Amino acid sequence: TIEDLLEEIVGDIQDEYDLEVPWLQPQDDGTLLVDARANVEELEEYYDIEIPREKFDTVGGYLFHLLGNVPQKGEKVSDNGLILMVEDSDERKIEKVRVWRDSEVSGTE
């Protein structure tokens, strides 16, 4: 469709027919599946923490900042009491991130 073509050029386009998926999705295993475009504030509110801001606003930007590159699926990092693992990415950006508290190892590692 024309929308698909435009989205290839400019990125996702939201319209009234798109189903809205929440930025943060709690999982049965105790982890949190996060859209990398979610604002870091949402992660802070969910876990009741404060993440020192540098040059990022999104969870994907936060992960990129911590690792210094666009990480591959499965790469993870621990920071601020959380473990963040890339759940989905492509060569240019992070799509989904799985997050859990560092003390909540639930078989995901």
PDB file of N, CA and C in Angstrom:
ATOM      1  N   THR A   1       0.836  -1.190   0.000  1.00  0.00           N
ATOM      2  CA  THR A   1       0.000   0.000   0.000  1.00  0.00           C
ATOM      3  C   THR A   1       0.877   1.249   0.000  1.00  0.00           C
ATOM      4  N   ILE A   2       0.240   2.372  -0.217  1.00  0.00           N
ATOM      5  CA  ILE A   2       0.975   3.640  -0.191  1.00  0.00           C
ATOM      6  C   ILE A   2       1.540   3.887   1.202  1.00  0.00           C
ATOM      7  N   GLU A   3       0.751   3.545   2.239  1.00  0.00           N
ATOM      8  CA  GLU A   3       1.243   3.730   3.610  1.00  0.00           C
ATOM      9  C   GLU A   3       2.504   2.899   3.847  1.00  0.00           C
ATOM     10  N   ASP A   4       2.515   1.660   3.380  1.00  0.00           N
ATOM     11  CA  ASP A   4       3.702   0.805   3.537  1.00  0.00           C
ATOM     12  C   ASP A   4       4.920   1.411   2.854  1.00  0.00           C
ATOM     13  N   LEU A   5       4.720   1.948   1.657  1.00  0.00           N
ATOM     14  CA  LEU A   5       5.812   2.582   0.924  1.00  0.00           C
ATOM     15  C   LEU A   5       6.346   3.795   1.677  1.00  0.00           C
ATOM     16  N   LEU A   6       5.432   4.640   2.167  1.00  0.00           N
ATOM     17  CA  LEU A   6       5.845   5.816   2.937  1.00  0.00           C
ATOM     18  C   LEU A   6       6.569   5.422   4.218  1.00  0.00           C
ATOM     19  N   GLU A   7       6.084   4.380   4.891  1.00  0.00           N
ATOM     20  CA  GLU A   7       6.723   3.936   6.128  1.00  0.00           C
ATOM     21  C   GLU A   7       8.135   3.422   5.873  1.00  0.00           C
ATOM     22  N   GLU A   8       8.387   2.847   4.705  1.00  0.00           N
ATOM     23  CA  GLU A   8       9.744   2.424   4.359  1.00  0.00           C
ATOM     24  C   GLU A   8      10.673   3.627   4.240  1.00  0.00           C
ATOM     25  N   ILE A   9      10.126   4.753   3.793  1.00  0.00           N
ATOM     26  CA  ILE A   9      10.931   5.959   3.592  1.00  0.00           C
ATOM     27  C   ILE A   9      11.081   6.765   4.875  1.00  0.00           C
ATOM     28  N   VAL A  10       9.968   7.008   5.582  1.00  0.00           N
ATOM     29  CA  VAL A  10       9.992   7.926   6.733  1.00  0.00           C
ATOM     30  C   VAL A  10       9.816   7.256   8.086  1.00  0.00           C
ATOM     31  N   GLY A  11       9.539   5.968   8.118  1.00  0.00           N
ATOM     32  CA  GLY A  11       9.307   5.293   9.396  1.00  0.00           C
ATOM     33  C   GLY A  11       7.826   5.092   9.642  1.00  0.00           C
ATOM     34  N   ASP A  12       7.497   4.564  10.812  1.00  0.00           N
ATOM     35  CA  ASP A  12       6.111   4.238  11.138  1.00  0.00           C
ATOM     36  C   ASP A  12       5.206   5.453  11.079  1.00  0.00           C
ATOM     37  N   ILE A  13       3.998   5.229  10.547  1.00  0.00           N
ATOM     38  CA  ILE A  13       2.963   6.257  10.506  1.00  0.00           C
ATOM     39  C   ILE A  13       1.775   5.715  11.282  1.00  0.00           C
ATOM     40  N   GLN A  14       1.345   6.437  12.291  1.00  0.00           N
ATOM     41  CA  GLN A  14       0.188   6.019  13.079  1.00  0.00           C
ATOM     42  C   GLN A  14      -1.079   6.591  12.456  1.00  0.00           C
ATOM     43  N   ASP A  15      -2.104   5.769  12.339  1.00  0.00           N
ATOM     44  CA  ASP A  15      -3.403   6.267  11.904  1.00  0.00           C
ATOM     45  C   ASP A  15      -4.490   5.606  12.738  1.00  0.00           C
ATOM     46  N   GLU A  16      -5.746   5.978  12.474  1.00  0.00           N
ATOM     47  CA  GLU A  16      -6.846   5.497  13.306  1.00  0.00           C
ATOM     48  C   GLU A  16      -7.097   4.001  13.165  1.00  0.00           C
ATOM     49  N   TYR A  17      -6.521   3.348  12.155  1.00  0.00           N
ATOM     50  CA  TYR A  17      -6.730   1.921  11.959  1.00  0.00           C
ATOM     51  C   TYR A  17      -5.650   1.061  12.609  1.00  0.00           C
ATOM     52  N   ASP A  18      -4.566   1.683  13.017  1.00  0.00           N
ATOM     53  CA  ASP A  18      -3.489   0.939  13.671  1.00  0.00           C
ATOM     54  C   ASP A  18      -3.893   0.576  15.091  1.00  0.00           C
ATOM     55  N   LEU A  19      -3.636  -0.661  15.475  1.00  0.00           N
ATOM     56  CA  LEU A  19      -3.876  -1.063  16.854  1.00  0.00           C
ATOM     57  C   LEU A  19      -2.756  -0.497  17.708  1.00  0.00           C
ATOM     58  N   GLU A  20      -3.134   0.129  18.807  1.00  0.00           N
ATOM     59  CA  GLU A  20      -2.130   0.718  19.681  1.00  0.00           C
ATOM     60  C   GLU A  20      -1.608  -0.336  20.648  1.00  0.00           C
ATOM     61  N   VAL A  21      -0.328  -0.617  20.554  1.00  0.00           N
ATOM     62  CA  VAL A  21       0.326  -1.581  21.435  1.00  0.00           C
ATOM     63  C   VAL A  21       1.015  -0.785  22.533  1.00  0.00           C
ATOM     64  N   PRO A  22       0.842  -1.179  23.796  1.00  0.00           N
ATOM     65  CA  PRO A  22       1.487  -0.427  24.882  1.00  0.00           C
ATOM     66  C   PRO A  22       3.008  -0.452  24.757  1.00  0.00           C
ATOM     67  N   TRP A  23       3.631   0.659  25.184  1.00  0.00           N
ATOM     68  CA  TRP A  23       5.089   0.769  25.145  1.00  0.00           C
ATOM     69  C   TRP A  23       5.738  -0.275  26.052  1.00  0.00           C
ATOM     70  N   LEU A  24       5.132  -0.526  27.212  1.00  0.00           N
ATOM     71  CA  LEU A  24       5.666  -1.478  28.191  1.00  0.00           C
ATOM     72  C   LEU A  24       4.690  -2.639  28.320  1.00  0.00           C
ATOM     73  N   GLN A  25       5.185  -3.862  28.164  1.00  0.00           N
ATOM     74  CA  GLN A  25       4.336  -5.040  28.247  1.00  0.00           C
ATOM     75  C   GLN A  25       4.910  -6.034  29.252  1.00  0.00           C
ATOM     76  N   PRO A  26       4.331  -6.094  30.472  1.00  0.00           N
ATOM     77  CA  PRO A  26       4.793  -7.075  31.456  1.00  0.00           C
ATOM     78  C   PRO A  26       4.593  -8.496  30.920  1.00  0.00           C
ATOM     79  N   GLN A  27       5.591  -9.351  31.133  1.00  0.00           N
ATOM     80  CA  GLN A  27       5.556 -10.728  30.646  1.00  0.00           C
ATOM     81  C   GLN A  27       5.344 -11.694  31.811  1.00  0.00           C
ATOM     82  N   ASP A  28       4.882 -12.900  31.497  1.00  0.00           N
ATOM     83  CA  ASP A  28       4.616 -13.913  32.522  1.00  0.00           C
ATOM     84  C   ASP A  28       5.863 -14.310  33.303  1.00  0.00           C
ATOM     85  N   ASP A  29       7.041 -14.188  32.689  1.00  0.00           N
ATOM     86  CA  ASP A  29       8.276 -14.589  33.368  1.00  0.00           C
ATOM     87  C   ASP A  29       8.845 -13.499  34.274  1.00  0.00           C
ATOM     88  N   GLY A  30       8.110 -12.390  34.433  1.00  0.00           N
ATOM     89  CA  GLY A  30       8.556 -11.312  35.314  1.00  0.00           C
ATOM     90  C   GLY A  30       9.364 -10.236  34.615  1.00  0.00           C
ATOM     91  N   THR A  31       9.668 -10.449  33.334  1.00  0.00           N
ATOM     92  CA  THR A  31      10.401  -9.427  32.592  1.00  0.00           C
ATOM     93  C   THR A  31       9.415  -8.426  32.007  1.00  0.00           C
ATOM     94  N   LEU A  32       9.970  -7.378  31.442  1.00  0.00           N
ATOM     95  CA  LEU A  32       9.171  -6.331  30.825  1.00  0.00           C
ATOM     96  C   LEU A  32       9.638  -6.190  29.383  1.00  0.00           C
ATOM     97  N   LEU A  33       8.731  -6.354  28.421  1.00  0.00           N
ATOM     98  CA  LEU A  33       9.061  -6.157  27.019  1.00  0.00           C
ATOM     99  C   LEU A  33       8.754  -4.705  26.681  1.00  0.00           C
ATOM    100  N   VAL A  34       9.769  -3.980  26.204  1.00  0.00           N
ATOM    101  CA  VAL A  34       9.658  -2.535  26.014  1.00  0.00           C
ATOM    102  C   VAL A  34       9.916  -2.181  24.558  1.00  0.00           C
ATOM    103  N   ASP A  35       9.040  -1.365  23.991  1.00  0.00           N
ATOM    104  CA  ASP A  35       9.301  -0.791  22.674  1.00  0.00           C
ATOM    105  C   ASP A  35      10.461   0.175  22.849  1.00  0.00           C
ATOM    106  N   ALA A  36      11.489   0.055  22.037  1.00  0.00           N
ATOM    107  CA  ALA A  36      12.694   0.874  22.196  1.00  0.00           C
ATOM    108  C   ALA A  36      12.414   2.360  22.022  1.00  0.00           C
ATOM    109  N   ARG A  37      11.267   2.713  21.416  1.00  0.00           N
ATOM    110  CA  ARG A  37      10.902   4.124  21.251  1.00  0.00           C
ATOM    111  C   ARG A  37      10.266   4.717  22.503  1.00  0.00           C
ATOM    112  N   ALA A  38       9.999   3.875  23.499  1.00  0.00           N
ATOM    113  CA  ALA A  38       9.389   4.357  24.743  1.00  0.00           C
ATOM    114  C   ALA A  38      10.320   5.346  25.432  1.00  0.00           C
ATOM    115  N   ASN A  39       9.724   6.351  26.061  1.00  0.00           N
ATOM    116  CA  ASN A  39      10.507   7.335  26.791  1.00  0.00           C
ATOM    117  C   ASN A  39      11.101   6.692  28.038  1.00  0.00           C
ATOM    118  N   VAL A  40      12.317   7.068  28.372  1.00  0.00           N
ATOM    119  CA  VAL A  40      13.007   6.537  29.553  1.00  0.00           C
ATOM    120  C   VAL A  40      12.179   6.787  30.816  1.00  0.00           C
ATOM    121  N   GLU A  41      11.418   7.878  30.841  1.00  0.00           N
ATOM    122  CA  GLU A  41      10.589   8.186  32.016  1.00  0.00           C
ATOM    123  C   GLU A  41       9.607   7.062  32.319  1.00  0.00           C
ATOM    124  N   GLU A  42       9.093   6.396  31.289  1.00  0.00           N
ATOM    125  CA  GLU A  42       8.158   5.295  31.517  1.00  0.00           C
ATOM    126  C   GLU A  42       8.846   4.139  32.246  1.00  0.00           C
ATOM    127  N   LEU A  43      10.076   3.871  31.883  1.00  0.00           N
ATOM    128  CA  LEU A  43      10.859   2.833  32.556  1.00  0.00           C
ATOM    129  C   LEU A  43      11.145   3.242  33.999  1.00  0.00           C
ATOM    130  N   GLU A  44      11.469   4.504  34.203  1.00  0.00           N
ATOM    131  CA  GLU A  44      11.728   5.014  35.555  1.00  0.00           C
ATOM    132  C   GLU A  44      10.489   4.870  36.431  1.00  0.00           C
ATOM    133  N   GLU A  45       9.333   5.232  35.894  1.00  0.00           N
ATOM    134  CA  GLU A  45       8.091   5.130  36.666  1.00  0.00           C
ATOM    135  C   GLU A  45       7.751   3.678  36.977  1.00  0.00           C
ATOM    136  N   TYR A  46       7.918   2.799  36.011  1.00  0.00           N
ATOM    137  CA  TYR A  46       7.567   1.395  36.201  1.00  0.00           C
ATOM    138  C   TYR A  46       8.406   0.757  37.305  1.00  0.00           C
ATOM    139  N   TYR A  47       9.710   1.029  37.296  1.00  0.00           N
ATOM    140  CA  TYR A  47      10.618   0.418  38.273  1.00  0.00           C
ATOM    141  C   TYR A  47      10.915   1.319  39.470  1.00  0.00           C
ATOM    142  N   ASP A  48      10.323   2.508  39.501  1.00  0.00           N
ATOM    143  CA  ASP A  48      10.540   3.474  40.581  1.00  0.00           C
ATOM    144  C   ASP A  48      12.038   3.722  40.790  1.00  0.00           C
ATOM    145  N   ILE A  49      12.700   4.102  39.699  1.00  0.00           N
ATOM    146  CA  ILE A  49      14.131   4.409  39.727  1.00  0.00           C
ATOM    147  C   ILE A  49      14.363   5.744  39.033  1.00  0.00           C
ATOM    148  N   GLU A  50      15.578   6.237  39.110  1.00  0.00           N
ATOM    149  CA  GLU A  50      15.953   7.445  38.382  1.00  0.00           C
ATOM    150  C   GLU A  50      17.190   7.133  37.542  1.00  0.00           C
ATOM    151  N   ILE A  51      17.058   7.330  36.248  1.00  0.00           N
ATOM    152  CA  ILE A  51      18.156   7.069  35.316  1.00  0.00           C
ATOM    153  C   ILE A  51      18.804   8.399  34.971  1.00  0.00           C
ATOM    154  N   PRO A  52      20.096   8.563  35.268  1.00  0.00           N
ATOM    155  CA  PRO A  52      20.780   9.814  34.931  1.00  0.00           C
ATOM    156  C   PRO A  52      20.732  10.053  33.422  1.00  0.00           C
ATOM    157  N   ARG A  53      20.282  11.245  33.033  1.00  0.00           N
ATOM    158  CA  ARG A  53      20.137  11.562  31.614  1.00  0.00           C
ATOM    159  C   ARG A  53      21.421  12.099  31.035  1.00  0.00           C
ATOM    160  N   GLU A  54      21.697  11.651  29.857  1.00  0.00           N
ATOM    161  CA  GLU A  54      22.851  12.136  29.107  1.00  0.00           C
ATOM    162  C   GLU A  54      22.304  12.682  27.791  1.00  0.00           C
ATOM    163  N   LYS A  55      22.524  11.975  26.722  1.00  0.00           N
ATOM    164  CA  LYS A  55      22.077  12.435  25.411  1.00  0.00           C
ATOM    165  C   LYS A  55      21.041  11.479  24.826  1.00  0.00           C
ATOM    166  N   PHE A  56      20.077  11.065  25.621  1.00  0.00           N
ATOM    167  CA  PHE A  56      19.056  10.138  25.139  1.00  0.00           C
ATOM    168  C   PHE A  56      17.739  10.429  25.838  1.00  0.00           C
ATOM    169  N   ASP A  57      16.646  10.080  25.176  1.00  0.00           N
ATOM    170  CA  ASP A  57      15.308  10.214  25.737  1.00  0.00           C
ATOM    171  C   ASP A  57      14.553   8.891  25.718  1.00  0.00           C
ATOM    172  N   THR A  58      14.951   7.990  24.821  1.00  0.00           N
ATOM    173  CA  THR A  58      14.232   6.732  24.658  1.00  0.00           C
ATOM    174  C   THR A  58      15.000   5.567  25.283  1.00  0.00           C
ATOM    175  N   VAL A  59      14.295   4.478  25.491  1.00  0.00           N
ATOM    176  CA  VAL A  59      14.927   3.275  26.038  1.00  0.00           C
ATOM    177  C   VAL A  59      15.979   2.751  25.055  1.00  0.00           C
ATOM    178  N   GLY A  60      15.690   2.798  23.768  1.00  0.00           N
ATOM    179  CA  GLY A  60      16.675   2.389  22.770  1.00  0.00           C
ATOM    180  C   GLY A  60      17.914   3.271  22.803  1.00  0.00           C
ATOM    181  N   GLY A  61      17.707   4.579  22.963  1.00  0.00           N
ATOM    182  CA  GLY A  61      18.830   5.506  23.065  1.00  0.00           C
ATOM    183  C   GLY A  61      19.656   5.252  24.314  1.00  0.00           C
ATOM    184  N   TYR A  62      18.975   4.917  25.398  1.00  0.00           N
ATOM    185  CA  TYR A  62      19.650   4.585  26.656  1.00  0.00           C
ATOM    186  C   TYR A  62      20.557   3.367  26.462  1.00  0.00           C
ATOM    187  N   LEU A  63      20.021   2.321  25.841  1.00  0.00           N
ATOM    188  CA  LEU A  63      20.797   1.106  25.600  1.00  0.00           C
ATOM    189  C   LEU A  63      21.964   1.387  24.646  1.00  0.00           C
ATOM    190  N   PHE A  64      21.705   2.165  23.603  1.00  0.00           N
ATOM    191  CA  PHE A  64      22.769   2.547  22.671  1.00  0.00           C
ATOM    192  C   PHE A  64      23.863   3.312  23.410  1.00  0.00           C
ATOM    193  N   HIS A  65      23.462   4.216  24.309  1.00  0.00           N
ATOM    194  CA  HIS A  65      24.419   4.997  25.095  1.00  0.00           C
ATOM    195  C   HIS A  65      25.289   4.083  25.969  1.00  0.00           C
ATOM    196  N   LEU A  66      24.662   3.107  26.603  1.00  0.00           N
ATOM    197  CA  LEU A  66      25.399   2.205  27.490  1.00  0.00           C
ATOM    198  C   LEU A  66      26.392   1.329  26.732  1.00  0.00           C
ATOM    199  N   LEU A  67      26.016   0.876  25.549  1.00  0.00           N
ATOM    200  CA  LEU A  67      26.858  -0.053  24.796  1.00  0.00           C
ATOM    201  C   LEU A  67      27.770   0.637  23.781  1.00  0.00           C
ATOM    202  N   GLY A  68      27.399   1.827  23.344  1.00  0.00           N
ATOM    203  CA  GLY A  68      28.233   2.568  22.401  1.00  0.00           C
ATOM    204  C   GLY A  68      28.080   2.167  20.949  1.00  0.00           C
ATOM    205  N   ASN A  69      27.126   1.287  20.659  1.00  0.00           N
ATOM    206  CA  ASN A  69      26.870   0.888  19.275  1.00  0.00           C
ATOM    207  C   ASN A  69      25.448   0.360  19.164  1.00  0.00           C
ATOM    208  N   VAL A  70      25.016   0.037  17.944  1.00  0.00           N
ATOM    209  CA  VAL A  70      23.712  -0.602  17.776  1.00  0.00           C
ATOM    210  C   VAL A  70      23.919  -2.084  18.064  1.00  0.00           C
ATOM    211  N   PRO A  71      23.421  -2.547  19.206  1.00  0.00           N
ATOM    212  CA  PRO A  71      23.680  -3.929  19.610  1.00  0.00           C
ATOM    213  C   PRO A  71      22.869  -4.938  18.802  1.00  0.00           C
ATOM    214  N   GLN A  72      23.337  -6.144  18.789  1.00  0.00           N
ATOM    215  CA  GLN A  72      22.653  -7.251  18.128  1.00  0.00           C
ATOM    216  C   GLN A  72      21.671  -7.899  19.105  1.00  0.00           C
ATOM    217  N   LYS A  73      20.728  -8.633  18.551  1.00  0.00           N
ATOM    218  CA  LYS A  73      19.762  -9.361  19.368  1.00  0.00           C
ATOM    219  C   LYS A  73      20.500 -10.248  20.365  1.00  0.00           C
ATOM    220  N   GLY A  74      20.057 -10.204  21.620  1.00  0.00           N
ATOM    221  CA  GLY A  74      20.651 -11.026  22.667  1.00  0.00           C
ATOM    222  C   GLY A  74      21.703 -10.313  23.497  1.00  0.00           C
ATOM    223  N   GLU A  75      22.257  -9.208  22.988  1.00  0.00           N
ATOM    224  CA  GLU A  75      23.238  -8.456  23.783  1.00  0.00           C
ATOM    225  C   GLU A  75      22.531  -7.843  24.977  1.00  0.00           C
ATOM    226  N   LYS A  76      23.229  -7.811  26.108  1.00  0.00           N
ATOM    227  CA  LYS A  76      22.615  -7.227  27.296  1.00  0.00           C
ATOM    228  C   LYS A  76      23.636  -6.454  28.099  1.00  0.00           C
ATOM    229  N   VAL A  77      23.101  -5.594  28.946  1.00  0.00           N
ATOM    230  CA  VAL A  77      23.929  -4.754  29.795  1.00  0.00           C
ATOM    231  C   VAL A  77      23.181  -4.538  31.106  1.00  0.00           C
ATOM    232  N   SER A  78      23.942  -4.377  32.172  1.00  0.00           N
ATOM    233  CA  SER A  78      23.370  -4.112  33.487  1.00  0.00           C
ATOM    234  C   SER A  78      23.685  -2.675  33.869  1.00  0.00           C
ATOM    235  N   ASP A  79      22.669  -1.939  34.329  1.00  0.00           N
ATOM    236  CA  ASP A  79      22.863  -0.559  34.750  1.00  0.00           C
ATOM    237  C   ASP A  79      21.719  -0.150  35.662  1.00  0.00           C
ATOM    238  N   ASN A  80      22.058   0.594  36.688  1.00  0.00           N
ATOM    239  CA  ASN A  80      21.053   1.183  37.566  1.00  0.00           C
ATOM    240  C   ASN A  80      20.118   0.136  38.175  1.00  0.00           C
ATOM    241  N   GLY A  81      20.640  -1.065  38.443  1.00  0.00           N
ATOM    242  CA  GLY A  81      19.835  -2.115  39.055  1.00  0.00           C
ATOM    243  C   GLY A  81      18.962  -2.880  38.081  1.00  0.00           C
ATOM    244  N   LEU A  82      19.104  -2.597  36.780  1.00  0.00           N
ATOM    245  CA  LEU A  82      18.313  -3.277  35.760  1.00  0.00           C
ATOM    246  C   LEU A  82      19.231  -4.006  34.787  1.00  0.00           C
ATOM    247  N   ILE A  83      18.697  -5.056  34.190  1.00  0.00           N
ATOM    248  CA  ILE A  83      19.360  -5.701  33.062  1.00  0.00           C
ATOM    249  C   ILE A  83      18.499  -5.410  31.842  1.00  0.00           C
ATOM    250  N   LEU A  84      19.133  -4.914  30.798  1.00  0.00           N
ATOM    251  CA  LEU A  84      18.453  -4.612  29.543  1.00  0.00           C
ATOM    252  C   LEU A  84      19.037  -5.508  28.464  1.00  0.00           C
ATOM    253  N   MET A  85      18.171  -6.232  27.759  1.00  0.00           N
ATOM    254  CA  MET A  85      18.624  -7.148  26.713  1.00  0.00           C
ATOM    255  C   MET A  85      17.898  -6.818  25.410  1.00  0.00           C
ATOM    256  N   VAL A  86      18.651  -6.748  24.332  1.00  0.00           N
ATOM    257  CA  VAL A  86      18.065  -6.476  23.022  1.00  0.00           C
ATOM    258  C   VAL A  86      17.249  -7.686  22.594  1.00  0.00           C
ATOM    259  N   GLU A  87      15.972  -7.464  22.396  1.00  0.00           N
ATOM    260  CA  GLU A  87      15.069  -8.527  21.973  1.00  0.00           C
ATOM    261  C   GLU A  87      14.918  -8.532  20.451  1.00  0.00           C
ATOM    262  N   ASP A  88      14.979  -7.348  19.835  1.00  0.00           N
ATOM    263  CA  ASP A  88      14.827  -7.241  18.389  1.00  0.00           C
ATOM    264  C   ASP A  88      15.520  -5.972  17.911  1.00  0.00           C
ATOM    265  N   SER A  89      16.277  -6.075  16.831  1.00  0.00           N
ATOM    266  CA  SER A  89      16.959  -4.908  16.266  1.00  0.00           C
ATOM    267  C   SER A  89      17.268  -5.174  14.801  1.00  0.00           C
ATOM    268  N   ASP A  90      17.620  -4.105  14.092  1.00  0.00           N
ATOM    269  CA  ASP A  90      18.153  -4.269  12.748  1.00  0.00           C
ATOM    270  C   ASP A  90      19.488  -3.538  12.700  1.00  0.00           C
ATOM    271  N   GLU A  91      20.051  -3.358  11.530  1.00  0.00           N
ATOM    272  CA  GLU A  91      21.383  -2.762  11.448  1.00  0.00           C
ATOM    273  C   GLU A  91      21.426  -1.292  11.842  1.00  0.00           C
ATOM    274  N   ARG A  92      20.261  -0.633  11.906  1.00  0.00           N
ATOM    275  CA  ARG A  92      20.237   0.795  12.211  1.00  0.00           C
ATOM    276  C   ARG A  92      19.654   1.151  13.568  1.00  0.00           C
ATOM    277  N   LYS A  93      18.806   0.290  14.115  1.00  0.00           N
ATOM    278  CA  LYS A  93      18.134   0.682  15.354  1.00  0.00           C
ATOM    279  C   LYS A  93      17.680  -0.525  16.169  1.00  0.00           C
ATOM    280  N   ILE A  94      17.440  -0.237  17.438  1.00  0.00           N
ATOM    281  CA  ILE A  94      16.904  -1.224  18.369  1.00  0.00           C
ATOM    282  C   ILE A  94      15.385  -1.131  18.291  1.00  0.00           C
ATOM    283  N   GLU A  95      14.704  -2.268  18.229  1.00  0.00           N
ATOM    284  CA  GLU A  95      13.245  -2.284  18.131  1.00  0.00           C
ATOM    285  C   GLU A  95      12.590  -2.596  19.483  1.00  0.00           C
ATOM    286  N   LYS A  96      12.999  -3.696  20.106  1.00  0.00           N
ATOM    287  CA  LYS A  96      12.409  -4.157  21.371  1.00  0.00           C
ATOM    288  C   LYS A  96      13.514  -4.479  22.363  1.00  0.00           C
ATOM    289  N   VAL A  97      13.221  -4.211  23.632  1.00  0.00           N
ATOM    290  CA  VAL A  97      14.174  -4.458  24.712  1.00  0.00           C
ATOM    291  C   VAL A  97      13.464  -5.229  25.815  1.00  0.00           C
ATOM    292  N   ARG A  98      14.103  -6.255  26.334  1.00  0.00           N
ATOM    293  CA  ARG A  98      13.566  -6.979  27.494  1.00  0.00           C
ATOM    294  C   ARG A  98      14.311  -6.466  28.718  1.00  0.00           C
ATOM    295  N   VAL A  99      13.554  -6.132  29.770  1.00  0.00           N
ATOM    296  CA  VAL A  99      14.137  -5.516  30.965  1.00  0.00           C
ATOM    297  C   VAL A  99      13.692  -6.291  32.197  1.00  0.00           C
ATOM    298  N   TRP A 100      14.600  -6.434  33.155  1.00  0.00           N
ATOM    299  CA  TRP A 100      14.240  -6.983  34.461  1.00  0.00           C
ATOM    300  C   TRP A 100      15.218  -6.459  35.488  1.00  0.00           C
ATOM    301  N   ARG A 101      14.788  -6.509  36.755  1.00  0.00           N
ATOM    302  CA  ARG A 101      15.675  -6.085  37.840  1.00  0.00           C
ATOM    303  C   ARG A 101      16.841  -7.056  37.932  1.00  0.00           C
ATOM    304  N   ASP A 102      18.004  -6.521  38.258  1.00  0.00           N
ATOM    305  CA  ASP A 102      19.219  -7.332  38.336  1.00  0.00           C
ATOM    306  C   ASP A 102      19.051  -8.502  39.306  1.00  0.00           C
ATOM    307  N   SER A 103      18.243  -8.352  40.328  1.00  0.00           N
ATOM    308  CA  SER A 103      18.047  -9.405  41.327  1.00  0.00           C
ATOM    309  C   SER A 103      16.976 -10.409  40.921  1.00  0.00           C
ATOM    310  N   GLU A 104      16.271 -10.150  39.810  1.00  0.00           N
ATOM    311  CA  GLU A 104      15.169 -11.016  39.382  1.00  0.00           C
ATOM    312  C   GLU A 104      15.583 -11.921  38.238  1.00  0.00           C
ATOM    313  N   VAL A 105      16.608 -12.704  38.412  1.00  0.00           N
ATOM    314  CA  VAL A 105      17.028 -13.615  37.352  1.00  0.00           C
ATOM    315  C   VAL A 105      15.960 -14.689  37.236  1.00  0.00           C
ATOM    316  N   SER A 106      15.281 -14.712  36.087  1.00  0.00           N
ATOM    317  CA  SER A 106      14.127 -15.600  35.950  1.00  0.00           C
ATOM    318  C   SER A 106      14.266 -16.544  34.768  1.00  0.00           C
ATOM    319  N   GLY A 107      15.469 -17.031  34.536  1.00  0.00           N
ATOM    320  CA  GLY A 107      15.658 -17.981  33.454  1.00  0.00           C
ATOM    321  C   GLY A 107      15.833 -17.331  32.100  1.00  0.00           C
ATOM    322  N   THR A 108      15.876 -16.003  32.039  1.00  0.00           N
ATOM    323  CA  THR A 108      16.019 -15.307  30.766  1.00  0.00           C
ATOM    324  C   THR A 108      17.468 -15.226  30.348  1.00  0.00           C
ATOM    325  N   GLU A 109      18.393 -15.328  31.294  1.00  0.00           N
ATOM    326  CA  GLU A 109      19.816 -15.207  30.968  1.00  0.00           C
ATOM    327  C   GLU A 109      20.338 -16.471  30.335  1.00  0.00           C
TER     328      GLU A 109
END
